[in-house]
Amino acid sequence: MENGSRDLYTVAQAADYLQVSQSSIRSYIRQGMLKAYRIAGKRKVLIPREELLGLLAPARSDPQPPAEGSDATGEG
């Protein structure tokens, strides 16, 4: 199965997917920034792909276009 088509990731897979350390993933889970699930009776933690995508934020915001009726000098 290709990594991009997975719905659930282990801690190691999630770390690889986001290019961070496994301890960062575990920290995000502890802080409540990332929802993770444990299979009953097992130690394995699974993280939904949507949760991983939810951690991503734009590197920068696109500048807002100028408001109508104003120009670059501010003398609208």
N, C-alpha and C. Protein backbone atom coordinates (compact mmCIF):
# COMPACT_ATOMS: atom_id res chain seq x y z
N MET A 1 0.85 -1.19 0.00
CA MET A 1 0.00 0.00 0.00
C MET A 1 0.88 1.24 0.00
N GLU A 2 0.56 2.17 -0.81
CA GLU A 2 1.34 3.41 -0.92
C GLU A 2 1.08 4.30 0.28
N ASN A 3 2.13 4.97 0.78
CA ASN A 3 2.03 5.80 1.98
C ASN A 3 0.98 6.89 1.83
N GLY A 4 0.83 7.48 0.66
CA GLY A 4 -0.11 8.57 0.46
C GLY A 4 -1.57 8.15 0.51
N SER A 5 -1.85 6.85 0.39
CA SER A 5 -3.23 6.39 0.37
C SER A 5 -3.68 5.84 1.72
N ARG A 6 -2.85 5.90 2.72
CA ARG A 6 -3.19 5.39 4.05
C ARG A 6 -4.16 6.32 4.75
N ASP A 7 -5.03 5.72 5.57
CA ASP A 7 -5.94 6.51 6.39
C ASP A 7 -5.46 6.60 7.82
N LEU A 8 -4.72 5.58 8.29
CA LEU A 8 -4.21 5.55 9.65
C LEU A 8 -2.70 5.35 9.62
N TYR A 9 -2.00 6.07 10.48
CA TYR A 9 -0.55 6.01 10.54
C TYR A 9 -0.09 5.65 11.95
N THR A 10 0.99 4.88 12.05
CA THR A 10 1.63 4.66 13.33
C THR A 10 2.42 5.92 13.67
N VAL A 11 2.95 5.98 14.90
CA VAL A 11 3.74 7.14 15.30
C VAL A 11 4.94 7.30 14.36
N ALA A 12 5.62 6.20 14.04
CA ALA A 12 6.79 6.26 13.16
C ALA A 12 6.40 6.74 11.76
N GLN A 13 5.30 6.22 11.23
CA GLN A 13 4.83 6.63 9.90
C GLN A 13 4.40 8.09 9.89
N ALA A 14 3.73 8.52 10.95
CA ALA A 14 3.29 9.92 11.05
C ALA A 14 4.49 10.85 11.10
N ALA A 15 5.51 10.46 11.86
CA ALA A 15 6.73 11.27 11.96
C ALA A 15 7.40 11.39 10.60
N ASP A 16 7.46 10.28 9.89
CA ASP A 16 8.06 10.29 8.55
C ASP A 16 7.23 11.14 7.60
N TYR A 17 5.92 11.03 7.68
CA TYR A 17 5.00 11.78 6.81
C TYR A 17 5.17 13.28 7.00
N LEU A 18 5.29 13.73 8.26
CA LEU A 18 5.43 15.16 8.55
C LEU A 18 6.88 15.62 8.63
N GLN A 19 7.80 14.69 8.51
CA GLN A 19 9.24 14.98 8.57
C GLN A 19 9.62 15.62 9.90
N VAL A 20 9.13 15.01 10.98
CA VAL A 20 9.48 15.42 12.34
C VAL A 20 9.89 14.16 13.09
N SER A 21 10.33 14.31 14.33
CA SER A 21 10.74 13.15 15.12
C SER A 21 9.52 12.46 15.72
N GLN A 22 9.71 11.21 16.10
CA GLN A 22 8.65 10.47 16.76
C GLN A 22 8.30 11.11 18.10
N SER A 23 9.31 11.66 18.78
CA SER A 23 9.02 12.31 20.06
C SER A 23 8.16 13.56 19.86
N SER A 24 8.31 14.24 18.73
CA SER A 24 7.44 15.38 18.43
C SER A 24 5.99 14.91 18.26
N ILE A 25 5.79 13.82 17.55
CA ILE A 25 4.44 13.28 17.36
C ILE A 25 3.83 12.92 18.71
N ARG A 26 4.61 12.23 19.55
CA ARG A 26 4.10 11.85 20.88
C ARG A 26 3.79 13.09 21.72
N SER A 27 4.59 14.12 21.58
CA SER A 27 4.36 15.37 22.30
C SER A 27 3.07 16.03 21.82
N TYR A 28 2.85 16.06 20.51
CA TYR A 28 1.61 16.64 19.96
C TYR A 28 0.38 15.89 20.51
N ILE A 29 0.51 14.57 20.64
CA ILE A 29 -0.59 13.76 21.17
C ILE A 29 -0.84 14.13 22.63
N ARG A 30 0.24 14.19 23.43
CA ARG A 30 0.12 14.54 24.86
C ARG A 30 -0.49 15.91 25.06
N GLN A 31 -0.12 16.87 24.20
CA GLN A 31 -0.61 18.24 24.32
C GLN A 31 -2.04 18.41 23.79
N GLY A 32 -2.57 17.36 23.18
CA GLY A 32 -3.92 17.45 22.62
C GLY A 32 -3.98 18.09 21.26
N MET A 33 -2.82 18.34 20.65
CA MET A 33 -2.78 18.95 19.32
C MET A 33 -3.08 17.92 18.23
N LEU A 34 -2.98 16.65 18.58
CA LEU A 34 -3.12 15.57 17.61
C LEU A 34 -3.93 14.46 18.26
N LYS A 35 -5.04 14.06 17.63
CA LYS A 35 -5.84 12.96 18.14
C LYS A 35 -5.23 11.65 17.66
N ALA A 36 -5.12 10.72 18.59
CA ALA A 36 -4.60 9.40 18.25
C ALA A 36 -5.46 8.36 18.94
N TYR A 37 -5.45 7.16 18.41
CA TYR A 37 -6.28 6.07 18.92
C TYR A 37 -5.41 4.85 19.18
N ARG A 38 -5.79 4.10 20.21
CA ARG A 38 -5.08 2.88 20.56
C ARG A 38 -6.05 1.72 20.34
N ILE A 39 -5.55 0.66 19.74
CA ILE A 39 -6.35 -0.55 19.58
C ILE A 39 -6.48 -1.18 20.96
N ALA A 40 -7.68 -1.56 21.35
CA ALA A 40 -7.92 -2.11 22.69
C ALA A 40 -6.95 -3.24 23.01
N GLY A 41 -6.27 -3.09 24.15
CA GLY A 41 -5.34 -4.12 24.60
C GLY A 41 -3.98 -4.09 23.92
N LYS A 42 -3.76 -3.16 23.05
CA LYS A 42 -2.48 -3.08 22.33
C LYS A 42 -1.79 -1.77 22.65
N ARG A 43 -0.49 -1.74 22.48
CA ARG A 43 0.27 -0.51 22.71
C ARG A 43 0.34 0.36 21.46
N LYS A 44 0.03 -0.21 20.32
CA LYS A 44 0.15 0.52 19.06
C LYS A 44 -0.82 1.69 19.01
N VAL A 45 -0.29 2.86 18.66
CA VAL A 45 -1.09 4.08 18.53
C VAL A 45 -1.28 4.36 17.05
N LEU A 46 -2.50 4.67 16.66
CA LEU A 46 -2.81 4.98 15.27
C LEU A 46 -3.35 6.40 15.17
N ILE A 47 -2.91 7.10 14.15
CA ILE A 47 -3.27 8.51 13.96
C ILE A 47 -3.92 8.66 12.59
N PRO A 48 -5.13 9.21 12.55
CA PRO A 48 -5.79 9.43 11.26
C PRO A 48 -5.03 10.46 10.42
N ARG A 49 -5.00 10.23 9.12
CA ARG A 49 -4.32 11.14 8.20
C ARG A 49 -4.87 12.55 8.31
N GLU A 50 -6.18 12.69 8.46
CA GLU A 50 -6.80 14.02 8.56
C GLU A 50 -6.26 14.80 9.77
N GLU A 51 -5.95 14.09 10.85
CA GLU A 51 -5.36 14.74 12.02
C GLU A 51 -3.98 15.30 11.69
N LEU A 52 -3.21 14.53 10.94
CA LEU A 52 -1.87 14.99 10.55
C LEU A 52 -1.98 16.23 9.66
N LEU A 53 -2.91 16.19 8.73
CA LEU A 53 -3.09 17.34 7.83
C LEU A 53 -3.55 18.57 8.60
N GLY A 54 -4.28 18.35 9.70
CA GLY A 54 -4.76 19.45 10.52
C GLY A 54 -3.64 20.20 11.22
N LEU A 55 -2.48 19.57 11.37
CA LEU A 55 -1.33 20.24 11.99
C LEU A 55 -0.64 21.19 11.04
N LEU A 56 -0.87 20.99 9.75
CA LEU A 56 -0.19 21.82 8.76
C LEU A 56 -0.83 23.20 8.67
N ALA A 57 0.01 24.20 8.57
CA ALA A 57 -0.46 25.57 8.42
C ALA A 57 0.34 26.22 7.29
N PRO A 58 -0.25 27.19 6.61
CA PRO A 58 0.50 27.86 5.54
C PRO A 58 1.79 28.48 6.09
N ALA A 59 2.83 28.42 5.30
CA ALA A 59 4.12 29.00 5.70
C ALA A 59 4.01 30.51 5.81
N ARG A 60 3.17 31.10 4.97
CA ARG A 60 2.94 32.55 5.04
C ARG A 60 1.57 32.83 4.47
N SER A 61 1.00 33.91 4.90
CA SER A 61 -0.31 34.31 4.39
C SER A 61 -0.11 35.10 3.11
N ASP A 62 -1.03 34.94 2.19
CA ASP A 62 -1.00 35.78 0.99
C ASP A 62 -1.43 37.17 1.41
N PRO A 63 -0.77 38.20 0.87
CA PRO A 63 -1.17 39.57 1.23
C PRO A 63 -2.60 39.83 0.80
N GLN A 64 -3.31 40.59 1.61
CA GLN A 64 -4.69 40.94 1.29
C GLN A 64 -4.70 41.99 0.18
N PRO A 65 -5.61 41.85 -0.79
CA PRO A 65 -5.69 42.88 -1.84
C PRO A 65 -6.16 44.19 -1.21
N PRO A 66 -5.77 45.32 -1.81
CA PRO A 66 -6.21 46.62 -1.27
C PRO A 66 -7.73 46.72 -1.31
N ALA A 67 -8.27 47.42 -0.34
CA ALA A 67 -9.72 47.62 -0.28
C ALA A 67 -10.16 48.45 -1.47
N GLU A 68 -11.37 48.21 -1.93
CA GLU A 68 -11.89 48.99 -3.05
C GLU A 68 -11.96 50.47 -2.68
N GLY A 69 -11.63 51.32 -3.63
CA GLY A 69 -11.71 52.75 -3.42
C GLY A 69 -10.46 53.33 -2.82
N SER A 70 -9.45 52.52 -2.57
CA SER A 70 -8.20 53.08 -2.05
C SER A 70 -7.09 52.80 -3.04
N ASP A 71 -6.05 53.60 -2.98
CA ASP A 71 -4.90 53.35 -3.86
C ASP A 71 -3.67 53.14 -2.99
N ALA A 72 -2.54 52.95 -3.63
CA ALA A 72 -1.30 52.62 -2.90
C ALA A 72 -0.84 53.75 -2.00
N THR A 73 -1.25 54.98 -2.25
CA THR A 73 -0.80 56.10 -1.44
C THR A 73 -1.64 56.26 -0.18
N GLY A 74 -2.75 55.57 -0.12
CA GLY A 74 -3.62 55.68 1.03
C GLY A 74 -4.54 56.88 0.97
N GLU A 75 -4.55 57.56 -0.19
CA GLU A 75 -5.39 58.76 -0.34
C GLU A 75 -6.66 58.43 -1.10
N GLY A 76 -7.37 57.39 -0.76
CA GLY A 76 -8.50 56.87 -1.46
C GLY A 76 -9.50 57.81 -1.83
